[in-house]
Structures are given as C-alpha cells and as structure tokens.
Amino acid sequence: MEIKKIKKLSLANIVALFYALFGFVVPLAALVHALVKVIYEKETAGKLTSYIFINLGVDFLISLAVAVGAGIIGWLIGFIMAGFYNFLAREIGGVKIELADEAGQAVSSKSEEKKQDSFKY
C-alpha cells in the first residue's frame, strides 16, 4: 500500500494541535520551575504571596498567547508539509506501508496482490 496524497487541512489541524499543546505546557513548566526557585530564596520570603499570584496570572496569559502562536505556526507548517509531500509523492512515489490485522497477518489491497502475482522473482 502507498500513501499517495495527504489532505492538507487534516495534517495542518493535527500539527497545530500538537504545537498548541506543547506551546501551552512548556511555559507552564517554566513557571513552576521559576516558582520553586523563588520559594527557596530567602530574600523574597515576605513578598512571596503577592509575587506568586501576580506571576501566576501573567504567566498563564503568556502561556495562552504562546499556545495560540504555536498553534498558528504549527498549522502553517502542517499545511506546507502536506503540500510538499503531495508534490513529492506525485513525482517520485509516496510512502509505502504494510498494514497488519489483529492476528498479525499482513493486509494488502487487491491491486498490491495483483502486482505481486504478476512479478515472479
């Protein structure tokens, strides 16, 4: 079996979702790291509560903005990659895959079986 064409919008949506999730989680992880670092500093002990709440709100908004931006960039990259793949698949052939059913036996299409029968090795 061969993947001859990828729908551009489908791939773009999936890549955008991955980029957006990654773009939301990474800034939040950086926030947690920064908060843990601040908690263990002795100089900020009195101002720690206000510092944490202000930074939590600001960093959450930054995380949302980064997620939206990363999602837009991911969508564009996915759209361009699908178009590039479709061009290359048309010119030199697509990615060949072999599927298996639940029993582990190879599943092939009728046209693949006919091609294999016509070529004797």
PDB file of N, CA and C in Angstrom:
ATOM      1  N   MET A   1       0.846  -1.172   0.000  1.00  0.00           N
ATOM      2  CA  MET A   1       0.000   0.000   0.000  1.00  0.00           C
ATOM      3  C   MET A   1       0.894   1.238   0.000  1.00  0.00           C
ATOM      4  N   GLU A   2       0.358   2.286  -0.557  1.00  0.00           N
ATOM      5  CA  GLU A   2       1.141   3.510  -0.696  1.00  0.00           C
ATOM      6  C   GLU A   2       0.268   4.714  -0.349  1.00  0.00           C
ATOM      7  N   ILE A   3       0.844   5.627   0.405  1.00  0.00           N
ATOM      8  CA  ILE A   3       0.151   6.883   0.709  1.00  0.00           C
ATOM      9  C   ILE A   3       0.417   7.815  -0.457  1.00  0.00           C
ATOM     10  N   LYS A   4      -0.598   8.055  -1.260  1.00  0.00           N
ATOM     11  CA  LYS A   4      -0.432   8.868  -2.463  1.00  0.00           C
ATOM     12  C   LYS A   4      -0.685  10.341  -2.206  1.00  0.00           C
ATOM     13  N   LYS A   5      -1.550  10.661  -1.242  1.00  0.00           N
ATOM     14  CA  LYS A   5      -1.904  12.050  -1.009  1.00  0.00           C
ATOM     15  C   LYS A   5      -2.328  12.224   0.451  1.00  0.00           C
ATOM     16  N   ILE A   6      -1.965  13.348   1.017  1.00  0.00           N
ATOM     17  CA  ILE A   6      -2.379  13.713   2.374  1.00  0.00           C
ATOM     18  C   ILE A   6      -3.256  14.951   2.260  1.00  0.00           C
ATOM     19  N   LYS A   7      -4.402  14.926   2.904  1.00  0.00           N
ATOM     20  CA  LYS A   7      -5.258  16.117   2.893  1.00  0.00           C
ATOM     21  C   LYS A   7      -4.582  17.205   3.718  1.00  0.00           C
ATOM     22  N   LYS A   8      -4.355  18.340   3.087  1.00  0.00           N
ATOM     23  CA  LYS A   8      -3.585  19.415   3.715  1.00  0.00           C
ATOM     24  C   LYS A   8      -4.232  19.926   4.994  1.00  0.00           C
ATOM     25  N   LEU A   9      -5.525  20.154   4.975  1.00  0.00           N
ATOM     26  CA  LEU A   9      -6.202  20.689   6.164  1.00  0.00           C
ATOM     27  C   LEU A   9      -6.179  19.693   7.324  1.00  0.00           C
ATOM     28  N   SER A  10      -6.283  18.418   7.016  1.00  0.00           N
ATOM     29  CA  SER A  10      -6.260  17.397   8.055  1.00  0.00           C
ATOM     30  C   SER A  10      -4.914  17.380   8.780  1.00  0.00           C
ATOM     31  N   LEU A  11      -3.823  17.333   8.014  1.00  0.00           N
ATOM     32  CA  LEU A  11      -2.495  17.341   8.628  1.00  0.00           C
ATOM     33  C   LEU A  11      -2.234  18.662   9.338  1.00  0.00           C
ATOM     34  N   ALA A  12      -2.657  19.767   8.740  1.00  0.00           N
ATOM     35  CA  ALA A  12      -2.441  21.079   9.356  1.00  0.00           C
ATOM     36  C   ALA A  12      -3.140  21.161  10.713  1.00  0.00           C
ATOM     37  N   ASN A  13      -4.359  20.643  10.825  1.00  0.00           N
ATOM     38  CA  ASN A  13      -5.088  20.678  12.095  1.00  0.00           C
ATOM     39  C   ASN A  13      -4.412  19.832  13.161  1.00  0.00           C
ATOM     40  N   ILE A  14      -3.926  18.655  12.790  1.00  0.00           N
ATOM     41  CA  ILE A  14      -3.261  17.773  13.757  1.00  0.00           C
ATOM     42  C   ILE A  14      -1.949  18.397  14.238  1.00  0.00           C
ATOM     43  N   VAL A  15      -1.150  18.913  13.320  1.00  0.00           N
ATOM     44  CA  VAL A  15       0.128  19.540  13.698  1.00  0.00           C
ATOM     45  C   VAL A  15      -0.131  20.773  14.562  1.00  0.00           C
ATOM     46  N   ALA A  16      -1.158  21.550  14.226  1.00  0.00           N
ATOM     47  CA  ALA A  16      -1.491  22.735  15.025  1.00  0.00           C
ATOM     48  C   ALA A  16      -1.864  22.344  16.449  1.00  0.00           C
ATOM     49  N   LEU A  17      -2.601  21.254  16.605  1.00  0.00           N
ATOM     50  CA  LEU A  17      -2.979  20.798  17.947  1.00  0.00           C
ATOM     51  C   LEU A  17      -1.748  20.417  18.762  1.00  0.00           C
ATOM     52  N   PHE A  18      -0.823  19.681  18.153  1.00  0.00           N
ATOM     53  CA  PHE A  18       0.410  19.314  18.861  1.00  0.00           C
ATOM     54  C   PHE A  18       1.216  20.550  19.241  1.00  0.00           C
ATOM     55  N   TYR A  19       1.366  21.474  18.322  1.00  0.00           N
ATOM     56  CA  TYR A  19       2.128  22.687  18.606  1.00  0.00           C
ATOM     57  C   TYR A  19       1.455  23.505  19.708  1.00  0.00           C
ATOM     58  N   ALA A  20       0.136  23.625  19.659  1.00  0.00           N
ATOM     59  CA  ALA A  20      -0.574  24.414  20.666  1.00  0.00           C
ATOM     60  C   ALA A  20      -0.446  23.790  22.048  1.00  0.00           C
ATOM     61  N   LEU A  21      -0.590  22.475  22.138  1.00  0.00           N
ATOM     62  CA  LEU A  21      -0.445  21.807  23.437  1.00  0.00           C
ATOM     63  C   LEU A  21       0.970  21.973  23.974  1.00  0.00           C
ATOM     64  N   PHE A  22       1.937  21.776  23.109  1.00  0.00           N
ATOM     65  CA  PHE A  22       3.325  21.951  23.521  1.00  0.00           C
ATOM     66  C   PHE A  22       3.598  23.401  23.903  1.00  0.00           C
ATOM     67  N   GLY A  23       3.038  24.327  23.146  1.00  0.00           N
ATOM     68  CA  GLY A  23       3.227  25.747  23.426  1.00  0.00           C
ATOM     69  C   GLY A  23       2.547  26.203  24.706  1.00  0.00           C
ATOM     70  N   PHE A  24       1.560  25.457  25.183  1.00  0.00           N
ATOM     71  CA  PHE A  24       0.901  25.794  26.448  1.00  0.00           C
ATOM     72  C   PHE A  24       1.618  25.159  27.628  1.00  0.00           C
ATOM     73  N   VAL A  25       2.089  23.934  27.466  1.00  0.00           N
ATOM     74  CA  VAL A  25       2.694  23.187  28.581  1.00  0.00           C
ATOM     75  C   VAL A  25       4.095  23.697  28.912  1.00  0.00           C
ATOM     76  N   VAL A  26       4.883  24.014  27.916  1.00  0.00           N
ATOM     77  CA  VAL A  26       6.272  24.426  28.169  1.00  0.00           C
ATOM     78  C   VAL A  26       6.354  25.709  29.007  1.00  0.00           C
ATOM     79  N   PRO A  27       5.605  26.780  28.697  1.00  0.00           N
ATOM     80  CA  PRO A  27       5.669  27.954  29.567  1.00  0.00           C
ATOM     81  C   PRO A  27       5.162  27.681  30.990  1.00  0.00           C
ATOM     82  N   LEU A  28       4.166  26.807  31.131  1.00  0.00           N
ATOM     83  CA  LEU A  28       3.707  26.477  32.481  1.00  0.00           C
ATOM     84  C   LEU A  28       4.768  25.714  33.260  1.00  0.00           C
ATOM     85  N   ALA A  29       5.494  24.843  32.581  1.00  0.00           N
ATOM     86  CA  ALA A  29       6.585  24.131  33.239  1.00  0.00           C
ATOM     87  C   ALA A  29       7.684  25.108  33.655  1.00  0.00           C
ATOM     88  N   ALA A  30       7.959  26.089  32.807  1.00  0.00           N
ATOM     89  CA  ALA A  30       8.945  27.118  33.162  1.00  0.00           C
ATOM     90  C   ALA A  30       8.463  27.929  34.363  1.00  0.00           C
ATOM     91  N   LEU A  31       7.155  28.190  34.428  1.00  0.00           N
ATOM     92  CA  LEU A  31       6.585  28.907  35.569  1.00  0.00           C
ATOM     93  C   LEU A  31       6.777  28.121  36.864  1.00  0.00           C
ATOM     94  N   VAL A  32       6.477  26.851  36.827  1.00  0.00           N
ATOM     95  CA  VAL A  32       6.647  26.012  38.023  1.00  0.00           C
ATOM     96  C   VAL A  32       8.110  26.009  38.449  1.00  0.00           C
ATOM     97  N   HIS A  33       9.013  25.898  37.509  1.00  0.00           N
ATOM     98  CA  HIS A  33      10.438  25.934  37.833  1.00  0.00           C
ATOM     99  C   HIS A  33      10.816  27.261  38.489  1.00  0.00           C
ATOM    100  N   ALA A  34      10.331  28.356  37.927  1.00  0.00           N
ATOM    101  CA  ALA A  34      10.645  29.675  38.491  1.00  0.00           C
ATOM    102  C   ALA A  34      10.057  29.840  39.883  1.00  0.00           C
ATOM    103  N   LEU A  35       8.838  29.343  40.086  1.00  0.00           N
ATOM    104  CA  LEU A  35       8.211  29.467  41.409  1.00  0.00           C
ATOM    105  C   LEU A  35       8.957  28.661  42.462  1.00  0.00           C
ATOM    106  N   VAL A  36       9.361  27.474  42.110  1.00  0.00           N
ATOM    107  CA  VAL A  36      10.126  26.648  43.062  1.00  0.00           C
ATOM    108  C   VAL A  36      11.446  27.329  43.385  1.00  0.00           C
ATOM    109  N   LYS A  37      12.069  27.917  42.417  1.00  0.00           N
ATOM    110  CA  LYS A  37      13.336  28.623  42.631  1.00  0.00           C
ATOM    111  C   LYS A  37      13.131  29.822  43.565  1.00  0.00           C
ATOM    112  N   VAL A  38      12.028  30.555  43.368  1.00  0.00           N
ATOM    113  CA  VAL A  38      11.756  31.737  44.193  1.00  0.00           C
ATOM    114  C   VAL A  38      11.418  31.335  45.625  1.00  0.00           C
ATOM    115  N   ILE A  39      10.696  30.240  45.794  1.00  0.00           N
ATOM    116  CA  ILE A  39      10.294  29.803  47.136  1.00  0.00           C
ATOM    117  C   ILE A  39      11.516  29.546  48.015  1.00  0.00           C
ATOM    118  N   TYR A  40      12.570  29.025  47.431  1.00  0.00           N
ATOM    119  CA  TYR A  40      13.749  28.693  48.218  1.00  0.00           C
ATOM    120  C   TYR A  40      14.737  29.845  48.376  1.00  0.00           C
ATOM    121  N   GLU A  41      14.435  31.006  47.819  1.00  0.00           N
ATOM    122  CA  GLU A  41      15.278  32.177  48.036  1.00  0.00           C
ATOM    123  C   GLU A  41      14.806  32.893  49.299  1.00  0.00           C
ATOM    124  N   LYS A  42      15.730  33.271  50.154  1.00  0.00           N
ATOM    125  CA  LYS A  42      15.387  33.899  51.434  1.00  0.00           C
ATOM    126  C   LYS A  42      14.977  35.358  51.283  1.00  0.00           C
ATOM    127  N   GLU A  43      15.425  36.026  50.239  1.00  0.00           N
ATOM    128  CA  GLU A  43      15.147  37.450  50.065  1.00  0.00           C
ATOM    129  C   GLU A  43      13.688  37.738  49.741  1.00  0.00           C
ATOM    130  N   THR A  44      12.956  36.796  49.187  1.00  0.00           N
ATOM    131  CA  THR A  44      11.577  37.038  48.764  1.00  0.00           C
ATOM    132  C   THR A  44      10.552  36.466  49.736  1.00  0.00           C
ATOM    133  N   ALA A  45      10.935  36.066  50.908  1.00  0.00           N
ATOM    134  CA  ALA A  45      10.020  35.410  51.843  1.00  0.00           C
ATOM    135  C   ALA A  45       8.836  36.305  52.210  1.00  0.00           C
ATOM    136  N   GLY A  46       9.000  37.601  52.415  1.00  0.00           N
ATOM    137  CA  GLY A  46       7.904  38.477  52.800  1.00  0.00           C
ATOM    138  C   GLY A  46       6.978  38.805  51.645  1.00  0.00           C
ATOM    139  N   LYS A  47       7.509  38.938  50.485  1.00  0.00           N
ATOM    140  CA  LYS A  47       6.734  39.322  49.317  1.00  0.00           C
ATOM    141  C   LYS A  47       6.290  38.118  48.485  1.00  0.00           C
ATOM    142  N   LEU A  48       6.493  36.932  48.990  1.00  0.00           N
ATOM    143  CA  LEU A  48       6.300  35.725  48.194  1.00  0.00           C
ATOM    144  C   LEU A  48       4.864  35.532  47.727  1.00  0.00           C
ATOM    145  N   THR A  49       3.884  35.766  48.572  1.00  0.00           N
ATOM    146  CA  THR A  49       2.485  35.514  48.198  1.00  0.00           C
ATOM    147  C   THR A  49       2.049  36.391  47.031  1.00  0.00           C
ATOM    148  N   SER A  50       2.272  37.689  47.125  1.00  0.00           N
ATOM    149  CA  SER A  50       1.874  38.573  46.031  1.00  0.00           C
ATOM    150  C   SER A  50       2.680  38.275  44.773  1.00  0.00           C
ATOM    151  N   TYR A  51       3.927  37.958  44.947  1.00  0.00           N
ATOM    152  CA  TYR A  51       4.788  37.639  43.806  1.00  0.00           C
ATOM    153  C   TYR A  51       4.255  36.418  43.055  1.00  0.00           C
ATOM    154  N   ILE A  52       3.879  35.391  43.788  1.00  0.00           N
ATOM    155  CA  ILE A  52       3.384  34.158  43.175  1.00  0.00           C
ATOM    156  C   ILE A  52       2.078  34.408  42.426  1.00  0.00           C
ATOM    157  N   PHE A  53       1.125  35.100  43.054  1.00  0.00           N
ATOM    158  CA  PHE A  53      -0.175  35.296  42.406  1.00  0.00           C
ATOM    159  C   PHE A  53      -0.087  36.196  41.174  1.00  0.00           C
ATOM    160  N   ILE A  54       0.715  37.227  41.239  1.00  0.00           N
ATOM    161  CA  ILE A  54       0.884  38.091  40.066  1.00  0.00           C
ATOM    162  C   ILE A  54       1.533  37.316  38.935  1.00  0.00           C
ATOM    163  N   ASN A  55       2.582  36.578  39.245  1.00  0.00           N
ATOM    164  CA  ASN A  55       3.279  35.811  38.209  1.00  0.00           C
ATOM    165  C   ASN A  55       2.426  34.676  37.661  1.00  0.00           C
ATOM    166  N   LEU A  56       1.606  34.067  38.502  1.00  0.00           N
ATOM    167  CA  LEU A  56       0.734  33.003  38.006  1.00  0.00           C
ATOM    168  C   LEU A  56      -0.226  33.539  36.943  1.00  0.00           C
ATOM    169  N   GLY A  57      -0.832  34.662  37.210  1.00  0.00           N
ATOM    170  CA  GLY A  57      -1.765  35.244  36.249  1.00  0.00           C
ATOM    171  C   GLY A  57      -1.095  35.666  34.971  1.00  0.00           C
ATOM    172  N   VAL A  58       0.020  36.359  35.096  1.00  0.00           N
ATOM    173  CA  VAL A  58       0.740  36.831  33.917  1.00  0.00           C
ATOM    174  C   VAL A  58       1.273  35.654  33.109  1.00  0.00           C
ATOM    175  N   ASP A  59       1.844  34.677  33.783  1.00  0.00           N
ATOM    176  CA  ASP A  59       2.401  33.530  33.063  1.00  0.00           C
ATOM    177  C   ASP A  59       1.318  32.672  32.425  1.00  0.00           C
ATOM    178  N   PHE A  60       0.152  32.603  33.034  1.00  0.00           N
ATOM    179  CA  PHE A  60      -0.942  31.870  32.413  1.00  0.00           C
ATOM    180  C   PHE A  60      -1.375  32.561  31.121  1.00  0.00           C
ATOM    181  N   LEU A  61      -1.461  33.893  31.148  1.00  0.00           N
ATOM    182  CA  LEU A  61      -1.806  34.630  29.931  1.00  0.00           C
ATOM    183  C   LEU A  61      -0.722  34.488  28.862  1.00  0.00           C
ATOM    184  N   ILE A  62       0.529  34.495  29.288  1.00  0.00           N
ATOM    185  CA  ILE A  62       1.633  34.287  28.345  1.00  0.00           C
ATOM    186  C   ILE A  62       1.557  32.888  27.748  1.00  0.00           C
ATOM    187  N   SER A  63       1.219  31.895  28.577  1.00  0.00           N
ATOM    188  CA  SER A  63       1.082  30.528  28.080  1.00  0.00           C
ATOM    189  C   SER A  63      -0.019  30.428  27.036  1.00  0.00           C
ATOM    190  N   LEU A  64      -1.126  31.110  27.261  1.00  0.00           N
ATOM    191  CA  LEU A  64      -2.209  31.106  26.277  1.00  0.00           C
ATOM    192  C   LEU A  64      -1.763  31.759  24.971  1.00  0.00           C
ATOM    193  N   ALA A  65      -1.068  32.879  25.079  1.00  0.00           N
ATOM    194  CA  ALA A  65      -0.598  33.572  23.882  1.00  0.00           C
ATOM    195  C   ALA A  65       0.415  32.723  23.115  1.00  0.00           C
ATOM    196  N   VAL A  66       1.316  32.076  23.837  1.00  0.00           N
ATOM    197  CA  VAL A  66       2.302  31.204  23.183  1.00  0.00           C
ATOM    198  C   VAL A  66       1.600  30.019  22.526  1.00  0.00           C
ATOM    199  N   ALA A  67       0.587  29.464  23.191  1.00  0.00           N
ATOM    200  CA  ALA A  67      -0.148  28.330  22.630  1.00  0.00           C
ATOM    201  C   ALA A  67      -0.857  28.725  21.334  1.00  0.00           C
ATOM    202  N   VAL A  68      -1.477  29.886  21.315  1.00  0.00           N
ATOM    203  CA  VAL A  68      -2.159  30.356  20.097  1.00  0.00           C
ATOM    204  C   VAL A  68      -1.136  30.591  18.984  1.00  0.00           C
ATOM    205  N   GLY A  69      -0.042  31.251  19.307  1.00  0.00           N
ATOM    206  CA  GLY A  69       1.002  31.494  18.306  1.00  0.00           C
ATOM    207  C   GLY A  69       1.607  30.200  17.790  1.00  0.00           C
ATOM    208  N   ALA A  70       1.895  29.272  18.690  1.00  0.00           N
ATOM    209  CA  ALA A  70       2.463  27.990  18.274  1.00  0.00           C
ATOM    210  C   ALA A  70       1.462  27.200  17.441  1.00  0.00           C
ATOM    211  N   GLY A  71       0.180  27.292  17.793  1.00  0.00           N
ATOM    212  CA  GLY A  71      -0.845  26.611  17.007  1.00  0.00           C
ATOM    213  C   GLY A  71      -0.927  27.147  15.590  1.00  0.00           C
ATOM    214  N   ILE A  72      -0.845  28.462  15.443  1.00  0.00           N
ATOM    215  CA  ILE A  72      -0.876  29.078  14.107  1.00  0.00           C
ATOM    216  C   ILE A  72       0.349  28.659  13.297  1.00  0.00           C
ATOM    217  N   ILE A  73       1.506  28.696  13.922  1.00  0.00           N
ATOM    218  CA  ILE A  73       2.736  28.277  13.240  1.00  0.00           C
ATOM    219  C   ILE A  73       2.661  26.796  12.880  1.00  0.00           C
ATOM    220  N   GLY A  74       2.160  25.968  13.801  1.00  0.00           N
ATOM    221  CA  GLY A  74       2.015  24.538  13.527  1.00  0.00           C
ATOM    222  C   GLY A  74       1.069  24.264  12.381  1.00  0.00           C
ATOM    223  N   TRP A  75      -0.020  25.030  12.307  1.00  0.00           N
ATOM    224  CA  TRP A  75      -0.977  24.849  11.214  1.00  0.00           C
ATOM    225  C   TRP A  75      -0.315  25.173   9.878  1.00  0.00           C
ATOM    226  N   LEU A  76       0.417  26.270   9.840  1.00  0.00           N
ATOM    227  CA  LEU A  76       1.107  26.643   8.597  1.00  0.00           C
ATOM    228  C   LEU A  76       2.136  25.599   8.192  1.00  0.00           C
ATOM    229  N   ILE A  77       2.897  25.107   9.162  1.00  0.00           N
ATOM    230  CA  ILE A  77       3.911  24.091   8.865  1.00  0.00           C
ATOM    231  C   ILE A  77       3.253  22.807   8.366  1.00  0.00           C
ATOM    232  N   GLY A  78       2.177  22.377   9.016  1.00  0.00           N
ATOM    233  CA  GLY A  78       1.472  21.171   8.585  1.00  0.00           C
ATOM    234  C   GLY A  78       0.901  21.315   7.182  1.00  0.00           C
ATOM    235  N   PHE A  79       0.344  22.469   6.875  1.00  0.00           N
ATOM    236  CA  PHE A  79      -0.230  22.722   5.547  1.00  0.00           C
ATOM    237  C   PHE A  79       0.859  22.680   4.480  1.00  0.00           C
ATOM    238  N   ILE A  80       1.979  23.328   4.760  1.00  0.00           N
ATOM    239  CA  ILE A  80       3.089  23.352   3.805  1.00  0.00           C
ATOM    240  C   ILE A  80       3.691  21.957   3.642  1.00  0.00           C
ATOM    241  N   MET A  81       3.854  21.235   4.745  1.00  0.00           N
ATOM    242  CA  MET A  81       4.431  19.885   4.676  1.00  0.00           C
ATOM    243  C   MET A  81       3.547  18.938   3.866  1.00  0.00           C
ATOM    244  N   ALA A  82       2.227  19.024   4.055  1.00  0.00           N
ATOM    245  CA  ALA A  82       1.317  18.160   3.292  1.00  0.00           C
ATOM    246  C   ALA A  82       1.400  18.479   1.806  1.00  0.00           C
ATOM    247  N   GLY A  83       1.453  19.755   1.459  1.00  0.00           N
ATOM    248  CA  GLY A  83       1.596  20.128   0.055  1.00  0.00           C
ATOM    249  C   GLY A  83       2.910  19.646  -0.527  1.00  0.00           C
ATOM    250  N   PHE A  84       3.973  19.761   0.241  1.00  0.00           N
ATOM    251  CA  PHE A  84       5.281  19.303  -0.209  1.00  0.00           C
ATOM    252  C   PHE A  84       5.289  17.783  -0.380  1.00  0.00           C
ATOM    253  N   TYR A  85       4.684  17.077   0.582  1.00  0.00           N
ATOM    254  CA  TYR A  85       4.605  15.618   0.473  1.00  0.00           C
ATOM    255  C   TYR A  85       3.808  15.220  -0.771  1.00  0.00           C
ATOM    256  N   ASN A  86       2.670  15.860  -0.992  1.00  0.00           N
ATOM    257  CA  ASN A  86       1.841  15.527  -2.149  1.00  0.00           C
ATOM    258  C   ASN A  86       2.598  15.754  -3.461  1.00  0.00           C
ATOM    259  N   PHE A  87       3.380  16.820  -3.529  1.00  0.00           N
ATOM    260  CA  PHE A  87       4.179  17.080  -4.717  1.00  0.00           C
ATOM    261  C   PHE A  87       5.210  15.971  -4.924  1.00  0.00           C
ATOM    262  N   LEU A  88       5.943  15.630  -3.862  1.00  0.00           N
ATOM    263  CA  LEU A  88       6.969  14.590  -3.978  1.00  0.00           C
ATOM    264  C   LEU A  88       6.361  13.228  -4.254  1.00  0.00           C
ATOM    265  N   ALA A  89       5.218  12.923  -3.633  1.00  0.00           N
ATOM    266  CA  ALA A  89       4.569  11.632  -3.863  1.00  0.00           C
ATOM    267  C   ALA A  89       4.124  11.506  -5.314  1.00  0.00           C
ATOM    268  N   ARG A  90       3.676  12.595  -5.899  1.00  0.00           N
ATOM    269  CA  ARG A  90       3.263  12.587  -7.306  1.00  0.00           C
ATOM    270  C   ARG A  90       4.474  12.387  -8.219  1.00  0.00           C
ATOM    271  N   GLU A  91       5.603  12.994  -7.854  1.00  0.00           N
ATOM    272  CA  GLU A  91       6.784  12.933  -8.715  1.00  0.00           C
ATOM    273  C   GLU A  91       7.582  11.637  -8.572  1.00  0.00           C
ATOM    274  N   ILE A  92       7.814  11.197  -7.333  1.00  0.00           N
ATOM    275  CA  ILE A  92       8.690  10.037  -7.127  1.00  0.00           C
ATOM    276  C   ILE A  92       8.011   8.871  -6.420  1.00  0.00           C
ATOM    277  N   GLY A  93       6.765   9.037  -6.010  1.00  0.00           N
ATOM    278  CA  GLY A  93       6.046   7.962  -5.332  1.00  0.00           C
ATOM    279  C   GLY A  93       5.916   8.253  -3.852  1.00  0.00           C
ATOM    280  N   GLY A  94       4.845   7.745  -3.290  1.00  0.00           N
ATOM    281  CA  GLY A  94       4.565   8.005  -1.882  1.00  0.00           C
ATOM    282  C   GLY A  94       5.237   7.006  -0.960  1.00  0.00           C
ATOM    283  N   VAL A  95       4.958   7.158   0.329  1.00  0.00           N
ATOM    284  CA  VAL A  95       5.496   6.269   1.349  1.00  0.00           C
ATOM    285  C   VAL A  95       4.764   4.938   1.260  1.00  0.00           C
ATOM    286  N   LYS A  96       5.510   3.873   1.230  1.00  0.00           N
ATOM    287  CA  LYS A  96       4.916   2.553   1.167  1.00  0.00           C
ATOM    288  C   LYS A  96       4.751   2.029   2.595  1.00  0.00           C
ATOM    289  N   ILE A  97       3.552   1.516   2.886  1.00  0.00           N
ATOM    290  CA  ILE A  97       3.273   0.996   4.224  1.00  0.00           C
ATOM    291  C   ILE A  97       2.723  -0.413   4.118  1.00  0.00           C
ATOM    292  N   GLU A  98       2.881  -1.179   5.182  1.00  0.00           N
ATOM    293  CA  GLU A  98       2.288  -2.503   5.273  1.00  0.00           C
ATOM    294  C   GLU A  98       1.440  -2.527   6.528  1.00  0.00           C
ATOM    295  N   LEU A  99       0.194  -2.876   6.369  1.00  0.00           N
ATOM    296  CA  LEU A  99      -0.733  -2.932   7.482  1.00  0.00           C
ATOM    297  C   LEU A  99      -0.913  -4.370   7.921  1.00  0.00           C
ATOM    298  N   ALA A 100      -1.231  -4.568   9.191  1.00  0.00           N
ATOM    299  CA  ALA A 100      -1.481  -5.904   9.712  1.00  0.00           C
ATOM    300  C   ALA A 100      -2.813  -5.917  10.437  1.00  0.00           C
ATOM    301  N   ASP A 101      -3.518  -7.045  10.346  1.00  0.00           N
ATOM    302  CA  ASP A 101      -4.767  -7.154  11.099  1.00  0.00           C
ATOM    303  C   ASP A 101      -4.447  -7.532  12.540  1.00  0.00           C
ATOM    304  N   GLU A 102      -5.466  -7.768  13.343  1.00  0.00           N
ATOM    305  CA  GLU A 102      -5.250  -8.040  14.761  1.00  0.00           C
ATOM    306  C   GLU A 102      -4.486  -9.339  14.997  1.00  0.00           C
ATOM    307  N   ALA A 103      -4.562 -10.267  14.081  1.00  0.00           N
ATOM    308  CA  ALA A 103      -3.851 -11.533  14.216  1.00  0.00           C
ATOM    309  C   ALA A 103      -2.384 -11.406  13.816  1.00  0.00           C
ATOM    310  N   GLY A 104      -2.001 -10.250  13.309  1.00  0.00           N
ATOM    311  CA  GLY A 104      -0.617 -10.018  12.939  1.00  0.00           C
ATOM    312  C   GLY A 104      -0.303 -10.374  11.501  1.00  0.00           C
ATOM    313  N   GLN A 105      -1.324 -10.752  10.726  1.00  0.00           N
ATOM    314  CA  GLN A 105      -1.100 -11.088   9.324  1.00  0.00           C
ATOM    315  C   GLN A 105      -1.143  -9.823   8.488  1.00  0.00           C
ATOM    316  N   ALA A 106      -0.300  -9.785   7.476  1.00  0.00           N
ATOM    317  CA  ALA A 106      -0.222  -8.606   6.619  1.00  0.00           C
ATOM    318  C   ALA A 106      -1.524  -8.430   5.840  1.00  0.00           C
ATOM    319  N   VAL A 107      -1.967  -7.192   5.763  1.00  0.00           N
ATOM    320  CA  VAL A 107      -3.158  -6.849   4.998  1.00  0.00           C
ATOM    321  C   VAL A 107      -2.698  -6.057   3.792  1.00  0.00           C
ATOM    322  N   SER A 108      -3.101  -6.465   2.616  1.00  0.00           N
ATOM    323  CA  SER A 108      -2.734  -5.702   1.424  1.00  0.00           C
ATOM    324  C   SER A 108      -3.973  -5.502   0.571  1.00  0.00           C
ATOM    325  N   SER A 109      -3.904  -4.511  -0.265  1.00  0.00           N
ATOM    326  CA  SER A 109      -5.034  -4.215  -1.141  1.00  0.00           C
ATOM    327  C   SER A 109      -5.040  -5.187  -2.311  1.00  0.00           C
ATOM    328  N   LYS A 110      -6.138  -5.237  -3.043  1.00  0.00           N
ATOM    329  CA  LYS A 110      -6.273  -6.120  -4.208  1.00  0.00           C
ATOM    330  C   LYS A 110      -5.243  -5.779  -5.275  1.00  0.00           C
ATOM    331  N   SER A 111      -5.000  -4.488  -5.486  1.00  0.00           N
ATOM    332  CA  SER A 111      -4.042  -4.100  -6.529  1.00  0.00           C
ATOM    333  C   SER A 111      -2.630  -4.542  -6.165  1.00  0.00           C
ATOM    334  N   GLU A 112      -2.283  -4.508  -4.884  1.00  0.00           N
ATOM    335  CA  GLU A 112      -0.965  -4.965  -4.453  1.00  0.00           C
ATOM    336  C   GLU A 112      -0.825  -6.464  -4.688  1.00  0.00           C
ATOM    337  N   GLU A 113      -1.893  -7.229  -4.416  1.00  0.00           N
ATOM    338  CA  GLU A 113      -1.843  -8.669  -4.627  1.00  0.00           C
ATOM    339  C   GLU A 113      -1.666  -8.980  -6.104  1.00  0.00           C
ATOM    340  N   LYS A 114      -2.352  -8.228  -6.976  1.00  0.00           N
ATOM    341  CA  LYS A 114      -2.227  -8.441  -8.410  1.00  0.00           C
ATOM    342  C   LYS A 114      -0.808  -8.128  -8.881  1.00  0.00           C
ATOM    343  N   LYS A 115      -0.208  -7.053  -8.367  1.00  0.00           N
ATOM    344  CA  LYS A 115       1.148  -6.693  -8.753  1.00  0.00           C
ATOM    345  C   LYS A 115       2.131  -7.789  -8.327  1.00  0.00           C
ATOM    346  N   GLN A 116       1.938  -8.325  -7.112  1.00  0.00           N
ATOM    347  CA  GLN A 116       2.824  -9.346  -6.617  1.00  0.00           C
ATOM    348  C   GLN A 116       2.680 -10.632  -7.429  1.00  0.00           C
ATOM    349  N   ASP A 117       1.456 -10.953  -7.873  1.00  0.00           N
ATOM    350  CA  ASP A 117       1.244 -12.159  -8.669  1.00  0.00           C
ATOM    351  C   ASP A 117       1.864 -12.022 -10.049  1.00  0.00           C
ATOM    352  N   SER A 118       1.873 -10.829 -10.602  1.00  0.00           N
ATOM    353  CA  SER A 118       2.388 -10.646 -11.957  1.00  0.00           C
ATOM    354  C   SER A 118       3.910 -10.629 -12.006  1.00  0.00           C
ATOM    355  N   PHE A 119       4.564 -10.326 -10.910  1.00  0.00           N
ATOM    356  CA  PHE A 119       6.022 -10.299 -10.863  1.00  0.00           C
ATOM    357  C   PHE A 119       6.520 -11.569 -10.167  1.00  0.00           C
ATOM    358  N   LYS A 120       7.222 -12.393 -10.888  1.00  0.00           N
ATOM    359  CA  LYS A 120       7.805 -13.613 -10.319  1.00  0.00           C
ATOM    360  C   LYS A 120       9.286 -13.357 -10.077  1.00  0.00           C
ATOM    361  N   TYR A 121       9.728 -13.641  -8.881  1.00  0.00           N
ATOM    362  CA  TYR A 121      11.136 -13.393  -8.529  1.00  0.00           C
ATOM    363  C   TYR A 121      11.968 -14.618  -8.757  1.00  0.00           C
TER     364      TYR A 121
END
